[in-house]
Amino acid sequence: MPFYSVLAVTPVTESWIADYIPAAGALVAKHGGRYLARTANHQTLEGDGQLAALRVVIEWPSKEAAHAFMNDPDYEPQLQARTDGSLSHHVLIEGKDDMAN
């Protein structure tokens, strides 16, 4: 069953971005993930809050793959750079419909 990472990212400095994008992209692919969206072109349709500059959606083949990516020692410096250089929120969503009959 697929899982989806949904990130809201607002950089507070841009010094980390040029190194982060290719390194994180390679690690996403290493763990079987693929980017569905990486964009500043988004709008809030309902509610307040999380006015992020960027939205990112990554599809993973499993929850384990997403956790393996986040826990990969090669990702640690990239994660540190992103968290130090941005305000970020990252949620993992299971790709199923719990409300379907």
PDB file of N, CA and C in Angstrom:
ATOM      1  N   MET A   1       0.842  -1.181   0.000  1.00  0.00           N
ATOM      2  CA  MET A   1       0.000   0.000   0.000  1.00  0.00           C
ATOM      3  C   MET A   1       0.884   1.240   0.000  1.00  0.00           C
ATOM      4  N   PRO A   2       0.600   2.210  -0.871  1.00  0.00           N
ATOM      5  CA  PRO A   2       1.430   3.411  -0.904  1.00  0.00           C
ATOM      6  C   PRO A   2       1.175   4.313   0.305  1.00  0.00           C
ATOM      7  N   PHE A   3       2.190   5.083   0.624  1.00  0.00           N
ATOM      8  CA  PHE A   3       2.111   6.136   1.632  1.00  0.00           C
ATOM      9  C   PHE A   3       2.596   7.418   0.977  1.00  0.00           C
ATOM     10  N   TYR A   4       2.140   8.536   1.506  1.00  0.00           N
ATOM     11  CA  TYR A   4       2.478   9.831   0.924  1.00  0.00           C
ATOM     12  C   TYR A   4       3.051  10.755   1.989  1.00  0.00           C
ATOM     13  N   SER A   5       4.229  11.294   1.714  1.00  0.00           N
ATOM     14  CA  SER A   5       4.786  12.369   2.532  1.00  0.00           C
ATOM     15  C   SER A   5       4.245  13.674   1.981  1.00  0.00           C
ATOM     16  N   VAL A   6       3.719  14.499   2.870  1.00  0.00           N
ATOM     17  CA  VAL A   6       3.241  15.827   2.496  1.00  0.00           C
ATOM     18  C   VAL A   6       3.988  16.824   3.371  1.00  0.00           C
ATOM     19  N   LEU A   7       4.762  17.689   2.716  1.00  0.00           N
ATOM     20  CA  LEU A   7       5.582  18.656   3.433  1.00  0.00           C
ATOM     21  C   LEU A   7       5.152  20.075   3.106  1.00  0.00           C
ATOM     22  N   ALA A   8       5.198  20.922   4.115  1.00  0.00           N
ATOM     23  CA  ALA A   8       5.032  22.364   3.974  1.00  0.00           C
ATOM     24  C   ALA A   8       6.356  22.965   4.424  1.00  0.00           C
ATOM     25  N   VAL A   9       7.023  23.689   3.537  1.00  0.00           N
ATOM     26  CA  VAL A   9       8.371  24.184   3.813  1.00  0.00           C
ATOM     27  C   VAL A   9       8.439  25.677   3.506  1.00  0.00           C
ATOM     28  N   THR A  10       8.892  26.446   4.486  1.00  0.00           N
ATOM     29  CA  THR A  10       9.159  27.866   4.290  1.00  0.00           C
ATOM     30  C   THR A  10      10.615  28.123   4.643  1.00  0.00           C
ATOM     31  N   PRO A  11      11.472  28.310   3.642  1.00  0.00           N
ATOM     32  CA  PRO A  11      12.882  28.583   3.928  1.00  0.00           C
ATOM     33  C   PRO A  11      13.044  29.899   4.689  1.00  0.00           C
ATOM     34  N   VAL A  12      13.935  29.887   5.686  1.00  0.00           N
ATOM     35  CA  VAL A  12      14.312  31.117   6.382  1.00  0.00           C
ATOM     36  C   VAL A  12      15.682  31.587   5.906  1.00  0.00           C
ATOM     37  N   THR A  13      16.394  30.699   5.237  1.00  0.00           N
ATOM     38  CA  THR A  13      17.633  31.000   4.539  1.00  0.00           C
ATOM     39  C   THR A  13      17.675  30.088   3.321  1.00  0.00           C
ATOM     40  N   GLU A  14      18.352  30.510   2.279  1.00  0.00           N
ATOM     41  CA  GLU A  14      18.383  29.693   1.064  1.00  0.00           C
ATOM     42  C   GLU A  14      19.713  28.986   0.854  1.00  0.00           C
ATOM     43  N   SER A  15      20.637  29.121   1.782  1.00  0.00           N
ATOM     44  CA  SER A  15      21.985  28.582   1.592  1.00  0.00           C
ATOM     45  C   SER A  15      22.014  27.056   1.496  1.00  0.00           C
ATOM     46  N   TRP A  16      21.059  26.375   2.028  1.00  0.00           N
ATOM     47  CA  TRP A  16      21.025  24.912   2.069  1.00  0.00           C
ATOM     48  C   TRP A  16      20.362  24.293   0.831  1.00  0.00           C
ATOM     49  N   ILE A  17      19.571  25.066   0.102  1.00  0.00           N
ATOM     50  CA  ILE A  17      18.689  24.511  -0.923  1.00  0.00           C
ATOM     51  C   ILE A  17      19.442  23.882  -2.096  1.00  0.00           C
ATOM     52  N   ALA A  18      20.470  24.541  -2.604  1.00  0.00           N
ATOM     53  CA  ALA A  18      21.185  24.034  -3.791  1.00  0.00           C
ATOM     54  C   ALA A  18      21.799  22.663  -3.548  1.00  0.00           C
ATOM     55  N   ASP A  19      22.296  22.408  -2.343  1.00  0.00           N
ATOM     56  CA  ASP A  19      22.861  21.096  -2.013  1.00  0.00           C
ATOM     57  C   ASP A  19      21.775  20.088  -1.657  1.00  0.00           C
ATOM     58  N   TYR A  20      20.706  20.562  -1.028  1.00  0.00           N
ATOM     59  CA  TYR A  20      19.653  19.677  -0.538  1.00  0.00           C
ATOM     60  C   TYR A  20      18.900  18.984  -1.675  1.00  0.00           C
ATOM     61  N   ILE A  21      18.511  19.727  -2.689  1.00  0.00           N
ATOM     62  CA  ILE A  21      17.626  19.183  -3.729  1.00  0.00           C
ATOM     63  C   ILE A  21      18.208  17.942  -4.409  1.00  0.00           C
ATOM     64  N   PRO A  22      19.435  17.969  -4.933  1.00  0.00           N
ATOM     65  CA  PRO A  22      19.936  16.749  -5.585  1.00  0.00           C
ATOM     66  C   PRO A  22      20.214  15.617  -4.596  1.00  0.00           C
ATOM     67  N   ALA A  23      20.725  15.948  -3.406  1.00  0.00           N
ATOM     68  CA  ALA A  23      21.039  14.901  -2.426  1.00  0.00           C
ATOM     69  C   ALA A  23      19.767  14.219  -1.928  1.00  0.00           C
ATOM     70  N   ALA A  24      18.765  15.005  -1.562  1.00  0.00           N
ATOM     71  CA  ALA A  24      17.503  14.425  -1.090  1.00  0.00           C
ATOM     72  C   ALA A  24      16.813  13.657  -2.207  1.00  0.00           C
ATOM     73  N   GLY A  25      16.859  14.189  -3.424  1.00  0.00           N
ATOM     74  CA  GLY A  25      16.234  13.500  -4.556  1.00  0.00           C
ATOM     75  C   GLY A  25      16.817  12.123  -4.793  1.00  0.00           C
ATOM     76  N   ALA A  26      18.138  12.011  -4.691  1.00  0.00           N
ATOM     77  CA  ALA A  26      18.791  10.708  -4.869  1.00  0.00           C
ATOM     78  C   ALA A  26      18.383   9.740  -3.767  1.00  0.00           C
ATOM     79  N   LEU A  27      18.236  10.237  -2.544  1.00  0.00           N
ATOM     80  CA  LEU A  27      17.860   9.369  -1.429  1.00  0.00           C
ATOM     81  C   LEU A  27      16.385   8.975  -1.494  1.00  0.00           C
ATOM     82  N   VAL A  28      15.541   9.875  -1.958  1.00  0.00           N
ATOM     83  CA  VAL A  28      14.130   9.522  -2.173  1.00  0.00           C
ATOM     84  C   VAL A  28      14.055   8.353  -3.153  1.00  0.00           C
ATOM     85  N   ALA A  29      14.775   8.461  -4.271  1.00  0.00           N
ATOM     86  CA  ALA A  29      14.782   7.389  -5.278  1.00  0.00           C
ATOM     87  C   ALA A  29      15.374   6.104  -4.718  1.00  0.00           C
ATOM     88  N   LYS A  30      16.435   6.217  -3.931  1.00  0.00           N
ATOM     89  CA  LYS A  30      17.077   5.039  -3.326  1.00  0.00           C
ATOM     90  C   LYS A  30      16.071   4.226  -2.507  1.00  0.00           C
ATOM     91  N   HIS A  31      15.132   4.910  -1.862  1.00  0.00           N
ATOM     92  CA  HIS A  31      14.160   4.235  -1.002  1.00  0.00           C
ATOM     93  C   HIS A  31      12.827   3.983  -1.702  1.00  0.00           C
ATOM     94  N   GLY A  32      12.816   4.106  -3.030  1.00  0.00           N
ATOM     95  CA  GLY A  32      11.627   3.759  -3.804  1.00  0.00           C
ATOM     96  C   GLY A  32      10.585   4.848  -3.894  1.00  0.00           C
ATOM     97  N   GLY A  33      10.918   6.045  -3.435  1.00  0.00           N
ATOM     98  CA  GLY A  33       9.963   7.144  -3.490  1.00  0.00           C
ATOM     99  C   GLY A  33      10.028   7.879  -4.811  1.00  0.00           C
ATOM    100  N   ARG A  34       8.973   8.653  -5.073  1.00  0.00           N
ATOM    101  CA  ARG A  34       8.989   9.521  -6.249  1.00  0.00           C
ATOM    102  C   ARG A  34       8.207  10.785  -5.920  1.00  0.00           C
ATOM    103  N   TYR A  35       8.745  11.890  -6.408  1.00  0.00           N
ATOM    104  CA  TYR A  35       8.093  13.175  -6.189  1.00  0.00           C
ATOM    105  C   TYR A  35       6.854  13.281  -7.075  1.00  0.00           C
ATOM    106  N   LEU A  36       5.737  13.634  -6.472  1.00  0.00           N
ATOM    107  CA  LEU A  36       4.524  13.938  -7.218  1.00  0.00           C
ATOM    108  C   LEU A  36       4.384  15.440  -7.401  1.00  0.00           C
ATOM    109  N   ALA A  37       4.927  16.203  -6.446  1.00  0.00           N
ATOM    110  CA  ALA A  37       4.899  17.666  -6.539  1.00  0.00           C
ATOM    111  C   ALA A  37       6.015  18.250  -5.689  1.00  0.00           C
ATOM    112  N   ARG A  38       6.667  19.276  -6.221  1.00  0.00           N
ATOM    113  CA  ARG A  38       7.609  20.137  -5.494  1.00  0.00           C
ATOM    114  C   ARG A  38       7.384  21.525  -6.072  1.00  0.00           C
ATOM    115  N   THR A  39       6.578  22.333  -5.388  1.00  0.00           N
ATOM    116  CA  THR A  39       6.124  23.560  -6.028  1.00  0.00           C
ATOM    117  C   THR A  39       5.831  24.689  -5.041  1.00  0.00           C
ATOM    118  N   ALA A  40       6.015  25.892  -5.529  1.00  0.00           N
ATOM    119  CA  ALA A  40       5.576  27.087  -4.812  1.00  0.00           C
ATOM    120  C   ALA A  40       4.205  27.530  -5.321  1.00  0.00           C
ATOM    121  N   ASN A  41       3.674  26.832  -6.317  1.00  0.00           N
ATOM    122  CA  ASN A  41       2.388  27.166  -6.919  1.00  0.00           C
ATOM    123  C   ASN A  41       1.286  26.360  -6.223  1.00  0.00           C
ATOM    124  N   HIS A  42       0.735  26.922  -5.166  1.00  0.00           N
ATOM    125  CA  HIS A  42      -0.337  26.274  -4.405  1.00  0.00           C
ATOM    126  C   HIS A  42      -1.188  27.359  -3.773  1.00  0.00           C
ATOM    127  N   GLN A  43      -2.381  26.985  -3.376  1.00  0.00           N
ATOM    128  CA  GLN A  43      -3.252  27.939  -2.697  1.00  0.00           C
ATOM    129  C   GLN A  43      -4.087  27.218  -1.656  1.00  0.00           C
ATOM    130  N   THR A  44      -4.405  27.946  -0.592  1.00  0.00           N
ATOM    131  CA  THR A  44      -5.259  27.420   0.459  1.00  0.00           C
ATOM    132  C   THR A  44      -6.709  27.588   0.018  1.00  0.00           C
ATOM    133  N   LEU A  45      -7.441  26.501   0.000  1.00  0.00           N
ATOM    134  CA  LEU A  45      -8.850  26.536  -0.380  1.00  0.00           C
ATOM    135  C   LEU A  45      -9.769  26.626   0.827  1.00  0.00           C
ATOM    136  N   GLU A  46      -9.265  26.211   1.992  1.00  0.00           N
ATOM    137  CA  GLU A  46     -10.102  26.211   3.183  1.00  0.00           C
ATOM    138  C   GLU A  46      -9.214  26.292   4.410  1.00  0.00           C
ATOM    139  N   GLY A  47      -9.655  27.042   5.426  1.00  0.00           N
ATOM    140  CA  GLY A  47      -8.963  27.092   6.702  1.00  0.00           C
ATOM    141  C   GLY A  47      -7.816  28.088   6.740  1.00  0.00           C
ATOM    142  N   ASP A  48      -7.242  28.200   7.930  1.00  0.00           N
ATOM    143  CA  ASP A  48      -6.131  29.106   8.181  1.00  0.00           C
ATOM    144  C   ASP A  48      -4.896  28.301   8.550  1.00  0.00           C
ATOM    145  N   GLY A  49      -3.759  28.956   8.497  1.00  0.00           N
ATOM    146  CA  GLY A  49      -2.528  28.344   8.983  1.00  0.00           C
ATOM    147  C   GLY A  49      -1.708  27.695   7.894  1.00  0.00           C
ATOM    148  N   GLN A  50      -0.496  27.335   8.264  1.00  0.00           N
ATOM    149  CA  GLN A  50       0.488  26.691   7.378  1.00  0.00           C
ATOM    150  C   GLN A  50       0.592  27.379   6.026  1.00  0.00           C
ATOM    151  N   LEU A  51       0.898  28.658   6.060  1.00  0.00           N
ATOM    152  CA  LEU A  51       1.092  29.416   4.826  1.00  0.00           C
ATOM    153  C   LEU A  51       2.512  29.195   4.334  1.00  0.00           C
ATOM    154  N   ALA A  52       2.802  27.997   3.902  1.00  0.00           N
ATOM    155  CA  ALA A  52       4.149  27.595   3.495  1.00  0.00           C
ATOM    156  C   ALA A  52       4.495  28.143   2.122  1.00  0.00           C
ATOM    157  N   ALA A  53       5.783  28.410   1.930  1.00  0.00           N
ATOM    158  CA  ALA A  53       6.269  28.861   0.625  1.00  0.00           C
ATOM    159  C   ALA A  53       6.253  27.720  -0.387  1.00  0.00           C
ATOM    160  N   LEU A  54       6.583  26.517   0.062  1.00  0.00           N
ATOM    161  CA  LEU A  54       6.696  25.356  -0.822  1.00  0.00           C
ATOM    162  C   LEU A  54       5.843  24.211  -0.300  1.00  0.00           C
ATOM    163  N   ARG A  55       5.324  23.434  -1.211  1.00  0.00           N
ATOM    164  CA  ARG A  55       4.621  22.188  -0.872  1.00  0.00           C
ATOM    165  C   ARG A  55       5.294  21.059  -1.629  1.00  0.00           C
ATOM    166  N   VAL A  56       5.475  19.950  -0.933  1.00  0.00           N
ATOM    167  CA  VAL A  56       6.138  18.785  -1.513  1.00  0.00           C
ATOM    168  C   VAL A  56       5.277  17.562  -1.221  1.00  0.00           C
ATOM    169  N   VAL A  57       5.067  16.730  -2.234  1.00  0.00           N
ATOM    170  CA  VAL A  57       4.348  15.466  -2.064  1.00  0.00           C
ATOM    171  C   VAL A  57       5.228  14.365  -2.646  1.00  0.00           C
ATOM    172  N   ILE A  58       5.502  13.352  -1.818  1.00  0.00           N
ATOM    173  CA  ILE A  58       6.320  12.209  -2.231  1.00  0.00           C
ATOM    174  C   ILE A  58       5.494  10.947  -2.046  1.00  0.00           C
ATOM    175  N   GLU A  59       5.458  10.101  -3.062  1.00  0.00           N
ATOM    176  CA  GLU A  59       4.789   8.803  -2.963  1.00  0.00           C
ATOM    177  C   GLU A  59       5.832   7.753  -2.603  1.00  0.00           C
ATOM    178  N   TRP A  60       5.521   6.943  -1.589  1.00  0.00           N
ATOM    179  CA  TRP A  60       6.391   5.845  -1.144  1.00  0.00           C
ATOM    180  C   TRP A  60       5.690   4.518  -1.388  1.00  0.00           C
ATOM    181  N   PRO A  61       6.441   3.455  -1.652  1.00  0.00           N
ATOM    182  CA  PRO A  61       5.808   2.151  -1.841  1.00  0.00           C
ATOM    183  C   PRO A  61       5.250   1.556  -0.546  1.00  0.00           C
ATOM    184  N   SER A  62       5.731   2.065   0.602  1.00  0.00           N
ATOM    185  CA  SER A  62       5.287   1.537   1.895  1.00  0.00           C
ATOM    186  C   SER A  62       5.661   2.522   2.994  1.00  0.00           C
ATOM    187  N   LYS A  63       5.069   2.328   4.164  1.00  0.00           N
ATOM    188  CA  LYS A  63       5.433   3.123   5.334  1.00  0.00           C
ATOM    189  C   LYS A  63       6.886   2.874   5.696  1.00  0.00           C
ATOM    190  N   GLU A  64       7.313   1.628   5.573  1.00  0.00           N
ATOM    191  CA  GLU A  64       8.697   1.278   5.914  1.00  0.00           C
ATOM    192  C   GLU A  64       9.698   2.022   5.030  1.00  0.00           C
ATOM    193  N   ALA A  65       9.366   2.190   3.754  1.00  0.00           N
ATOM    194  CA  ALA A  65      10.259   2.915   2.840  1.00  0.00           C
ATOM    195  C   ALA A  65      10.394   4.373   3.264  1.00  0.00           C
ATOM    196  N   ALA A  66       9.289   4.990   3.658  1.00  0.00           N
ATOM    197  CA  ALA A  66       9.336   6.385   4.117  1.00  0.00           C
ATOM    198  C   ALA A  66      10.187   6.514   5.369  1.00  0.00           C
ATOM    199  N   HIS A  67      10.013   5.582   6.299  1.00  0.00           N
ATOM    200  CA  HIS A  67      10.810   5.626   7.531  1.00  0.00           C
ATOM    201  C   HIS A  67      12.279   5.322   7.250  1.00  0.00           C
ATOM    202  N   ALA A  68      12.543   4.426   6.323  1.00  0.00           N
ATOM    203  CA  ALA A  68      13.936   4.124   5.960  1.00  0.00           C
ATOM    204  C   ALA A  68      14.613   5.362   5.380  1.00  0.00           C
ATOM    205  N   PHE A  69      13.897   6.121   4.563  1.00  0.00           N
ATOM    206  CA  PHE A  69      14.428   7.380   4.034  1.00  0.00           C
ATOM    207  C   PHE A  69      14.743   8.345   5.170  1.00  0.00           C
ATOM    208  N   MET A  70      13.784   8.567   6.051  1.00  0.00           N
ATOM    209  CA  MET A  70      13.979   9.530   7.138  1.00  0.00           C
ATOM    210  C   MET A  70      15.102   9.110   8.080  1.00  0.00           C
ATOM    211  N   ASN A  71      15.319   7.805   8.229  1.00  0.00           N
ATOM    212  CA  ASN A  71      16.347   7.303   9.146  1.00  0.00           C
ATOM    213  C   ASN A  71      17.658   6.964   8.466  1.00  0.00           C
ATOM    214  N   ASP A  72      17.763   7.196   7.168  1.00  0.00           N
ATOM    215  CA  ASP A  72      18.995   6.905   6.431  1.00  0.00           C
ATOM    216  C   ASP A  72      20.105   7.831   6.926  1.00  0.00           C
ATOM    217  N   PRO A  73      21.236   7.280   7.373  1.00  0.00           N
ATOM    218  CA  PRO A  73      22.339   8.126   7.849  1.00  0.00           C
ATOM    219  C   PRO A  73      22.819   9.124   6.795  1.00  0.00           C
ATOM    220  N   ASP A  74      22.670   8.784   5.522  1.00  0.00           N
ATOM    221  CA  ASP A  74      23.067   9.715   4.462  1.00  0.00           C
ATOM    222  C   ASP A  74      22.118  10.911   4.362  1.00  0.00           C
ATOM    223  N   TYR A  75      20.901  10.765   4.891  1.00  0.00           N
ATOM    224  CA  TYR A  75      19.948  11.874   4.871  1.00  0.00           C
ATOM    225  C   TYR A  75      20.132  12.811   6.061  1.00  0.00           C
ATOM    226  N   GLU A  76      20.765  12.346   7.113  1.00  0.00           N
ATOM    227  CA  GLU A  76      20.907  13.143   8.336  1.00  0.00           C
ATOM    228  C   GLU A  76      21.428  14.559   8.076  1.00  0.00           C
ATOM    229  N   PRO A  77      22.523  14.743   7.311  1.00  0.00           N
ATOM    230  CA  PRO A  77      22.983  16.123   7.098  1.00  0.00           C
ATOM    231  C   PRO A  77      21.996  16.958   6.277  1.00  0.00           C
ATOM    232  N   GLN A  78      21.264  16.321   5.373  1.00  0.00           N
ATOM    233  CA  GLN A  78      20.270  17.048   4.583  1.00  0.00           C
ATOM    234  C   GLN A  78      19.076  17.449   5.452  1.00  0.00           C
ATOM    235  N   LEU A  79      18.633  16.529   6.288  1.00  0.00           N
ATOM    236  CA  LEU A  79      17.533  16.819   7.201  1.00  0.00           C
ATOM    237  C   LEU A  79      17.917  17.949   8.144  1.00  0.00           C
ATOM    238  N   GLN A  80      19.130  17.891   8.672  1.00  0.00           N
ATOM    239  CA  GLN A  80      19.604  18.944   9.576  1.00  0.00           C
ATOM    240  C   GLN A  80      19.640  20.291   8.864  1.00  0.00           C
ATOM    241  N   ALA A  81      20.127  20.299   7.635  1.00  0.00           N
ATOM    242  CA  ALA A  81      20.180  21.546   6.861  1.00  0.00           C
ATOM    243  C   ALA A  81      18.778  22.102   6.624  1.00  0.00           C
ATOM    244  N   ARG A  82      17.832  21.211   6.279  1.00  0.00           N
ATOM    245  CA  ARG A  82      16.454  21.671   6.029  1.00  0.00           C
ATOM    246  C   ARG A  82      15.804  22.191   7.294  1.00  0.00           C
ATOM    247  N   THR A  83      15.957  21.475   8.395  1.00  0.00           N
ATOM    248  CA  THR A  83      15.311  21.914   9.632  1.00  0.00           C
ATOM    249  C   THR A  83      15.964  23.178  10.191  1.00  0.00           C
ATOM    250  N   ASP A  84      17.276  23.331   9.989  1.00  0.00           N
ATOM    251  CA  ASP A  84      17.950  24.558  10.430  1.00  0.00           C
ATOM    252  C   ASP A  84      17.610  25.741   9.528  1.00  0.00           C
ATOM    253  N   GLY A  85      17.361  25.477   8.248  1.00  0.00           N
ATOM    254  CA  GLY A  85      17.173  26.548   7.277  1.00  0.00           C
ATOM    255  C   GLY A  85      15.746  26.810   6.866  1.00  0.00           C
ATOM    256  N   SER A  86      14.786  26.181   7.554  1.00  0.00           N
ATOM    257  CA  SER A  86      13.386  26.386   7.166  1.00  0.00           C
ATOM    258  C   SER A  86      12.452  26.097   8.331  1.00  0.00           C
ATOM    259  N   LEU A  87      11.228  26.522   8.168  1.00  0.00           N
ATOM    260  CA  LEU A  87      10.129  26.074   9.020  1.00  0.00           C
ATOM    261  C   LEU A  87       9.425  25.000   8.213  1.00  0.00           C
ATOM    262  N   SER A  88       9.392  23.787   8.744  1.00  0.00           N
ATOM    263  CA  SER A  88       8.876  22.654   7.975  1.00  0.00           C
ATOM    264  C   SER A  88       7.897  21.832   8.792  1.00  0.00           C
ATOM    265  N   HIS A  89       6.921  21.286   8.095  1.00  0.00           N
ATOM    266  CA  HIS A  89       5.991  20.306   8.654  1.00  0.00           C
ATOM    267  C   HIS A  89       5.953  19.142   7.678  1.00  0.00           C
ATOM    268  N   HIS A  90       6.046  17.923   8.214  1.00  0.00           N
ATOM    269  CA  HIS A  90       6.090  16.719   7.373  1.00  0.00           C
ATOM    270  C   HIS A  90       5.128  15.708   7.980  1.00  0.00           C
ATOM    271  N   VAL A  91       4.132  15.320   7.211  1.00  0.00           N
ATOM    272  CA  VAL A  91       3.201  14.280   7.653  1.00  0.00           C
ATOM    273  C   VAL A  91       3.250  13.122   6.669  1.00  0.00           C
ATOM    274  N   LEU A  92       3.016  11.929   7.175  1.00  0.00           N
ATOM    275  CA  LEU A  92       2.971  10.721   6.357  1.00  0.00           C
ATOM    276  C   LEU A  92       1.534  10.213   6.359  1.00  0.00           C
ATOM    277  N   ILE A  93       0.977  10.027   5.159  1.00  0.00           N
ATOM    278  CA  ILE A  93      -0.430   9.660   5.005  1.00  0.00           C
ATOM    279  C   ILE A  93      -0.523   8.314   4.295  1.00  0.00           C
ATOM    280  N   GLU A  94      -1.313   7.413   4.873  1.00  0.00           N
ATOM    281  CA  GLU A  94      -1.544   6.124   4.230  1.00  0.00           C
ATOM    282  C   GLU A  94      -2.473   6.306   3.040  1.00  0.00           C
ATOM    283  N   GLY A  95      -2.139   5.665   1.923  1.00  0.00           N
ATOM    284  CA  GLY A  95      -2.913   5.807   0.690  1.00  0.00           C
ATOM    285  C   GLY A  95      -4.118   4.888   0.660  1.00  0.00           C
ATOM    286  N   LYS A  96      -5.067   5.134   1.549  1.00  0.00           N
ATOM    287  CA  LYS A  96      -6.295   4.344   1.539  1.00  0.00           C
ATOM    288  C   LYS A  96      -7.450   5.222   1.976  1.00  0.00           C
ATOM    289  N   ASP A  97      -8.645   4.776   1.716  1.00  0.00           N
ATOM    290  CA  ASP A  97      -9.849   5.523   2.059  1.00  0.00           C
ATOM    291  C   ASP A  97     -10.555   4.812   3.207  1.00  0.00           C
ATOM    292  N   ASP A  98     -10.353   5.299   4.428  1.00  0.00           N
ATOM    293  CA  ASP A  98     -10.990   4.705   5.600  1.00  0.00           C
ATOM    294  C   ASP A  98     -12.491   4.992   5.665  1.00  0.00           C
ATOM    295  N   MET A  99     -12.959   5.916   4.858  1.00  0.00           N
ATOM    296  CA  MET A  99     -14.369   6.301   4.891  1.00  0.00           C
ATOM    297  C   MET A  99     -15.201   5.575   3.837  1.00  0.00           C
ATOM    298  N   ALA A 100     -14.567   4.824   2.952  1.00  0.00           N
ATOM    299  CA  ALA A 100     -15.307   4.096   1.912  1.00  0.00           C
ATOM    300  C   ALA A 100     -16.071   2.936   2.541  1.00  0.00           C
ATOM    301  N   ASN A 101     -17.192   2.633   1.964  1.00  0.00           N
ATOM    302  CA  ASN A 101     -18.003   1.514   2.477  1.00  0.00           C
ATOM    303  C   ASN A 101     -17.484   0.198   1.984  1.00  0.00           C
TER     304      ASN A 101
END
